[in-house]
């Protein structure tokens, strides 16, 4: 998800840094409704990618039960291919090979 957050250190037995706010809450929800090995993004992040000309990186996700927010999958292969200047079709490279890049 994309947006503003507030962060701070929490004291206690195990002090830690934590993010607060609606952006952090939505990001946590995306984590819990995602699928292993996939990058789950919000509508706001998808909009930012589209504004940057990267709409080919996103794939609309079918609506999941219990959520009213439209979410998307980020195509790892298209992102990595763009970053490293190579053309990677969804069938041209296996996930194991992609992780070696």
N, C-alpha and C. Protein backbone atom coordinates (compact mmCIF):
# COMPACT_ATOMS: atom_id res chain seq x y z
N UNK A 1 0.84 -1.17 0.00
CA UNK A 1 0.00 0.00 0.00
C UNK A 1 0.89 1.23 0.00
N UNK A 2 0.37 2.34 -0.39
CA UNK A 2 1.12 3.59 -0.45
C UNK A 2 0.36 4.67 0.30
N UNK A 3 1.09 5.46 1.07
CA UNK A 3 0.46 6.56 1.79
C UNK A 3 1.24 6.95 3.02
N UNK A 4 0.75 7.96 3.73
CA UNK A 4 1.46 8.47 4.91
C UNK A 4 1.32 7.54 6.12
N UNK A 5 2.36 7.51 6.94
CA UNK A 5 2.32 6.75 8.20
C UNK A 5 3.00 7.58 9.28
N UNK A 6 2.72 7.21 10.50
CA UNK A 6 3.41 7.77 11.65
C UNK A 6 4.18 6.62 12.28
N UNK A 7 5.40 6.86 12.68
CA UNK A 7 6.21 5.80 13.28
C UNK A 7 6.74 6.22 14.63
N UNK A 8 7.02 5.24 15.46
CA UNK A 8 7.58 5.54 16.76
C UNK A 8 8.09 4.29 17.44
N UNK A 9 8.91 4.51 18.47
CA UNK A 9 9.44 3.40 19.25
C UNK A 9 8.51 3.10 20.41
N UNK A 10 8.25 1.82 20.63
CA UNK A 10 7.43 1.38 21.75
C UNK A 10 8.35 0.79 22.80
N UNK A 11 8.17 1.24 24.02
CA UNK A 11 8.99 0.73 25.12
C UNK A 11 8.43 -0.59 25.62
N UNK A 12 9.16 -1.24 26.46
CA UNK A 12 8.71 -2.49 27.05
C UNK A 12 9.85 -3.47 27.12
N UNK A 13 9.50 -4.75 27.36
CA UNK A 13 10.52 -5.79 27.44
C UNK A 13 11.31 -5.89 26.14
N UNK A 14 10.63 -5.74 25.04
CA UNK A 14 11.29 -5.81 23.73
C UNK A 14 10.96 -4.53 22.96
N UNK A 15 11.72 -3.47 23.20
CA UNK A 15 11.44 -2.21 22.48
C UNK A 15 11.50 -2.44 20.97
N UNK A 16 10.60 -1.78 20.28
CA UNK A 16 10.56 -1.96 18.82
C UNK A 16 10.01 -0.70 18.16
N UNK A 17 10.30 -0.58 16.88
CA UNK A 17 9.79 0.50 16.06
C UNK A 17 8.51 0.01 15.40
N UNK A 18 7.47 0.83 15.39
CA UNK A 18 6.21 0.42 14.79
C UNK A 18 5.62 1.57 13.99
N UNK A 19 4.91 1.21 12.91
CA UNK A 19 4.21 2.18 12.07
C UNK A 19 2.73 2.18 12.45
N UNK A 20 2.13 3.37 12.42
CA UNK A 20 0.73 3.53 12.78
C UNK A 20 -0.01 4.28 11.68
N UNK A 21 -1.31 4.10 11.63
CA UNK A 21 -2.15 4.85 10.71
C UNK A 21 -2.87 3.95 9.73
N UNK A 22 -3.76 4.56 8.95
CA UNK A 22 -4.58 3.81 8.00
C UNK A 22 -3.72 3.09 6.96
N UNK A 23 -2.65 3.72 6.51
CA UNK A 23 -1.78 3.09 5.52
C UNK A 23 -1.19 1.79 6.06
N UNK A 24 -0.71 1.82 7.30
CA UNK A 24 -0.13 0.62 7.91
C UNK A 24 -1.19 -0.45 8.12
N UNK A 25 -2.39 -0.05 8.49
CA UNK A 25 -3.49 -1.00 8.71
C UNK A 25 -3.85 -1.70 7.39
N UNK A 26 -3.96 -0.92 6.32
CA UNK A 26 -4.29 -1.52 5.02
C UNK A 26 -3.18 -2.45 4.56
N UNK A 27 -1.93 -2.06 4.77
CA UNK A 27 -0.80 -2.92 4.39
C UNK A 27 -0.86 -4.25 5.14
N UNK A 28 -1.21 -4.22 6.42
CA UNK A 28 -1.35 -5.47 7.19
C UNK A 28 -2.47 -6.34 6.63
N UNK A 29 -3.58 -5.70 6.24
CA UNK A 29 -4.70 -6.45 5.66
C UNK A 29 -4.29 -7.10 4.35
N UNK A 30 -3.50 -6.39 3.55
CA UNK A 30 -3.02 -6.96 2.29
C UNK A 30 -2.16 -8.19 2.56
N UNK A 31 -1.36 -8.13 3.60
CA UNK A 31 -0.50 -9.28 3.95
C UNK A 31 -1.34 -10.49 4.34
N UNK A 32 -2.42 -10.27 5.07
CA UNK A 32 -3.22 -11.39 5.55
C UNK A 32 -4.13 -11.97 4.49
N UNK A 33 -4.41 -11.23 3.42
CA UNK A 33 -5.29 -11.74 2.37
C UNK A 33 -4.53 -12.09 1.10
N UNK A 34 -3.21 -12.05 1.15
CA UNK A 34 -2.39 -12.38 0.00
C UNK A 34 -2.24 -13.87 -0.18
N UNK A 35 -1.40 -14.23 -1.12
CA UNK A 35 -1.09 -15.63 -1.39
C UNK A 35 0.41 -15.80 -1.40
N UNK A 36 0.91 -16.96 -0.97
CA UNK A 36 2.36 -17.18 -0.96
C UNK A 36 2.98 -16.98 -2.34
N UNK A 37 4.10 -16.28 -2.37
CA UNK A 37 4.84 -16.08 -3.61
C UNK A 37 4.30 -14.98 -4.51
N UNK A 38 3.26 -14.27 -4.05
CA UNK A 38 2.68 -13.20 -4.86
C UNK A 38 2.80 -11.87 -4.12
N UNK A 39 2.90 -10.79 -4.89
CA UNK A 39 2.97 -9.45 -4.31
C UNK A 39 1.60 -8.82 -4.48
N UNK A 40 0.96 -8.55 -3.36
CA UNK A 40 -0.41 -8.06 -3.31
C UNK A 40 -0.36 -6.55 -3.10
N UNK A 41 -1.00 -5.76 -3.98
CA UNK A 41 -0.95 -4.31 -3.85
C UNK A 41 -2.37 -3.72 -3.84
N UNK A 42 -2.46 -2.53 -3.28
CA UNK A 42 -3.74 -1.84 -3.15
C UNK A 42 -4.06 -1.04 -4.41
N UNK A 43 -5.30 -0.53 -4.45
CA UNK A 43 -5.72 0.33 -5.55
C UNK A 43 -4.85 1.58 -5.63
N UNK A 44 -4.51 2.14 -4.46
CA UNK A 44 -3.69 3.36 -4.44
C UNK A 44 -2.31 3.11 -5.05
N UNK A 45 -1.69 2.00 -4.72
CA UNK A 45 -0.39 1.66 -5.30
C UNK A 45 -0.52 1.39 -6.80
N UNK A 46 -1.60 0.69 -7.19
CA UNK A 46 -1.84 0.43 -8.61
C UNK A 46 -2.01 1.74 -9.37
N UNK A 47 -2.72 2.71 -8.78
CA UNK A 47 -2.89 4.02 -9.41
C UNK A 47 -1.54 4.71 -9.61
N UNK A 48 -0.67 4.64 -8.61
CA UNK A 48 0.66 5.26 -8.72
C UNK A 48 1.48 4.59 -9.82
N UNK A 49 1.38 3.27 -9.93
CA UNK A 49 2.10 2.56 -10.99
C UNK A 49 1.56 2.96 -12.37
N UNK A 50 0.24 3.09 -12.48
CA UNK A 50 -0.36 3.50 -13.76
C UNK A 50 0.09 4.91 -14.13
N UNK A 51 0.15 5.80 -13.17
CA UNK A 51 0.60 7.17 -13.42
C UNK A 51 2.06 7.20 -13.88
N UNK A 52 2.82 6.21 -13.48
CA UNK A 52 4.23 6.11 -13.86
C UNK A 52 4.42 5.34 -15.17
N UNK A 53 3.32 4.97 -15.81
CA UNK A 53 3.41 4.22 -17.06
C UNK A 53 3.72 2.75 -16.87
N UNK A 54 3.47 2.22 -15.69
CA UNK A 54 3.78 0.81 -15.40
C UNK A 54 2.52 -0.03 -15.25
N UNK A 55 1.45 0.34 -15.95
CA UNK A 55 0.20 -0.41 -15.80
C UNK A 55 0.33 -1.85 -16.27
N UNK A 56 1.34 -2.17 -17.10
CA UNK A 56 1.56 -3.56 -17.52
C UNK A 56 2.14 -4.40 -16.38
N UNK A 57 2.52 -3.78 -15.27
CA UNK A 57 3.05 -4.51 -14.12
C UNK A 57 1.94 -5.08 -13.24
N UNK A 58 0.71 -4.60 -13.41
CA UNK A 58 -0.35 -4.99 -12.48
C UNK A 58 -1.41 -5.87 -13.15
N UNK A 59 -1.99 -6.74 -12.35
CA UNK A 59 -3.07 -7.60 -12.82
C UNK A 59 -4.18 -7.52 -11.76
N UNK A 60 -5.37 -7.20 -12.20
CA UNK A 60 -6.50 -7.08 -11.28
C UNK A 60 -6.76 -8.42 -10.61
N UNK A 61 -6.98 -8.35 -9.30
CA UNK A 61 -7.27 -9.56 -8.54
C UNK A 61 -8.78 -9.70 -8.42
N UNK A 62 -9.24 -10.94 -8.52
CA UNK A 62 -10.67 -11.18 -8.32
C UNK A 62 -11.02 -10.80 -6.89
N UNK A 63 -12.21 -10.28 -6.71
CA UNK A 63 -12.65 -9.84 -5.39
C UNK A 63 -12.60 -11.00 -4.40
N UNK A 64 -12.12 -10.70 -3.20
CA UNK A 64 -12.07 -11.72 -2.16
C UNK A 64 -13.20 -11.49 -1.18
N UNK A 65 -13.66 -12.52 -0.55
CA UNK A 65 -14.74 -12.42 0.40
C UNK A 65 -14.33 -11.55 1.59
N UNK A 66 -15.20 -10.66 1.99
CA UNK A 66 -14.95 -9.86 3.18
C UNK A 66 -14.21 -8.55 2.94
N UNK A 67 -13.86 -8.25 1.71
CA UNK A 67 -13.18 -6.99 1.44
C UNK A 67 -13.90 -6.23 0.34
N UNK A 68 -14.03 -4.93 0.52
CA UNK A 68 -14.69 -4.11 -0.50
C UNK A 68 -13.66 -3.38 -1.35
N UNK A 69 -12.39 -3.49 -1.00
CA UNK A 69 -11.33 -2.79 -1.72
C UNK A 69 -10.84 -3.64 -2.90
N UNK A 70 -10.74 -3.00 -4.08
CA UNK A 70 -10.16 -3.69 -5.24
C UNK A 70 -8.66 -3.76 -5.03
N UNK A 71 -8.09 -4.94 -5.21
CA UNK A 71 -6.66 -5.11 -5.06
C UNK A 71 -6.09 -5.77 -6.31
N UNK A 72 -4.77 -5.81 -6.39
CA UNK A 72 -4.08 -6.26 -7.59
C UNK A 72 -2.90 -7.13 -7.22
N UNK A 73 -2.41 -7.88 -8.21
CA UNK A 73 -1.15 -8.60 -8.09
C UNK A 73 -0.11 -7.81 -8.88
N UNK A 74 1.08 -7.75 -8.35
CA UNK A 74 2.20 -7.14 -9.05
C UNK A 74 2.96 -8.25 -9.75
N UNK A 75 3.19 -8.10 -11.05
CA UNK A 75 3.90 -9.12 -11.81
C UNK A 75 5.39 -9.02 -11.54
N UNK A 76 5.92 -9.98 -10.77
CA UNK A 76 7.36 -9.97 -10.45
C UNK A 76 8.20 -10.04 -11.71
N UNK A 77 7.79 -10.85 -12.66
CA UNK A 77 8.59 -11.05 -13.87
C UNK A 77 8.68 -9.78 -14.69
N UNK A 78 7.59 -9.04 -14.79
CA UNK A 78 7.61 -7.80 -15.57
C UNK A 78 8.41 -6.72 -14.85
N UNK A 79 8.32 -6.67 -13.51
CA UNK A 79 9.09 -5.69 -12.74
C UNK A 79 10.57 -5.98 -12.88
N UNK A 80 10.98 -7.22 -12.63
CA UNK A 80 12.40 -7.59 -12.72
C UNK A 80 12.92 -7.40 -14.13
N UNK A 81 12.11 -7.76 -15.12
CA UNK A 81 12.53 -7.58 -16.51
C UNK A 81 12.78 -6.12 -16.83
N UNK A 82 11.90 -5.24 -16.35
CA UNK A 82 12.06 -3.81 -16.58
C UNK A 82 13.29 -3.27 -15.86
N UNK A 83 13.53 -3.75 -14.65
CA UNK A 83 14.66 -3.26 -13.87
C UNK A 83 16.00 -3.65 -14.49
N UNK A 84 16.06 -4.84 -15.09
CA UNK A 84 17.32 -5.34 -15.62
C UNK A 84 17.40 -5.28 -17.14
N UNK A 85 16.37 -4.66 -17.77
CA UNK A 85 16.42 -4.45 -19.21
C UNK A 85 16.33 -5.71 -20.04
N UNK A 86 15.61 -6.70 -19.55
CA UNK A 86 15.42 -7.93 -20.32
C UNK A 86 13.93 -8.19 -20.46
N UNK A 87 13.56 -8.84 -21.55
CA UNK A 87 12.15 -9.17 -21.77
C UNK A 87 11.87 -10.54 -21.17
N UNK A 88 11.02 -10.57 -20.19
CA UNK A 88 10.66 -11.83 -19.54
C UNK A 88 9.17 -12.06 -19.72
N UNK A 89 8.80 -13.04 -20.51
CA UNK A 89 7.39 -13.36 -20.62
C UNK A 89 7.04 -14.24 -19.42
N UNK A 90 5.75 -14.33 -19.12
CA UNK A 90 5.34 -15.12 -17.97
C UNK A 90 5.75 -16.58 -18.09
N UNK A 91 5.96 -17.07 -19.32
CA UNK A 91 6.32 -18.48 -19.49
C UNK A 91 7.79 -18.68 -19.80
N UNK A 92 8.56 -17.59 -19.94
CA UNK A 92 9.94 -17.75 -20.39
C UNK A 92 10.94 -17.99 -19.26
N UNK A 93 10.50 -17.83 -18.02
CA UNK A 93 11.44 -17.98 -16.92
C UNK A 93 10.71 -18.54 -15.71
N UNK A 94 11.34 -19.44 -15.04
CA UNK A 94 10.75 -20.04 -13.85
C UNK A 94 11.04 -19.17 -12.64
N UNK A 95 10.21 -19.26 -11.61
CA UNK A 95 10.39 -18.47 -10.40
C UNK A 95 11.76 -18.70 -9.77
N UNK A 96 12.26 -19.94 -9.80
CA UNK A 96 13.56 -20.23 -9.21
C UNK A 96 14.67 -19.47 -9.95
N UNK A 97 14.56 -19.41 -11.28
CA UNK A 97 15.54 -18.69 -12.07
C UNK A 97 15.46 -17.19 -11.80
N UNK A 98 14.25 -16.69 -11.64
CA UNK A 98 14.04 -15.27 -11.37
C UNK A 98 14.67 -14.87 -10.04
N UNK A 99 14.61 -15.74 -9.05
CA UNK A 99 15.16 -15.42 -7.74
C UNK A 99 16.70 -15.32 -7.78
N UNK A 100 17.34 -15.90 -8.79
CA UNK A 100 18.80 -15.84 -8.91
C UNK A 100 19.27 -14.49 -9.44
N UNK A 101 18.37 -13.72 -10.07
CA UNK A 101 18.75 -12.43 -10.67
C UNK A 101 19.15 -11.46 -9.58
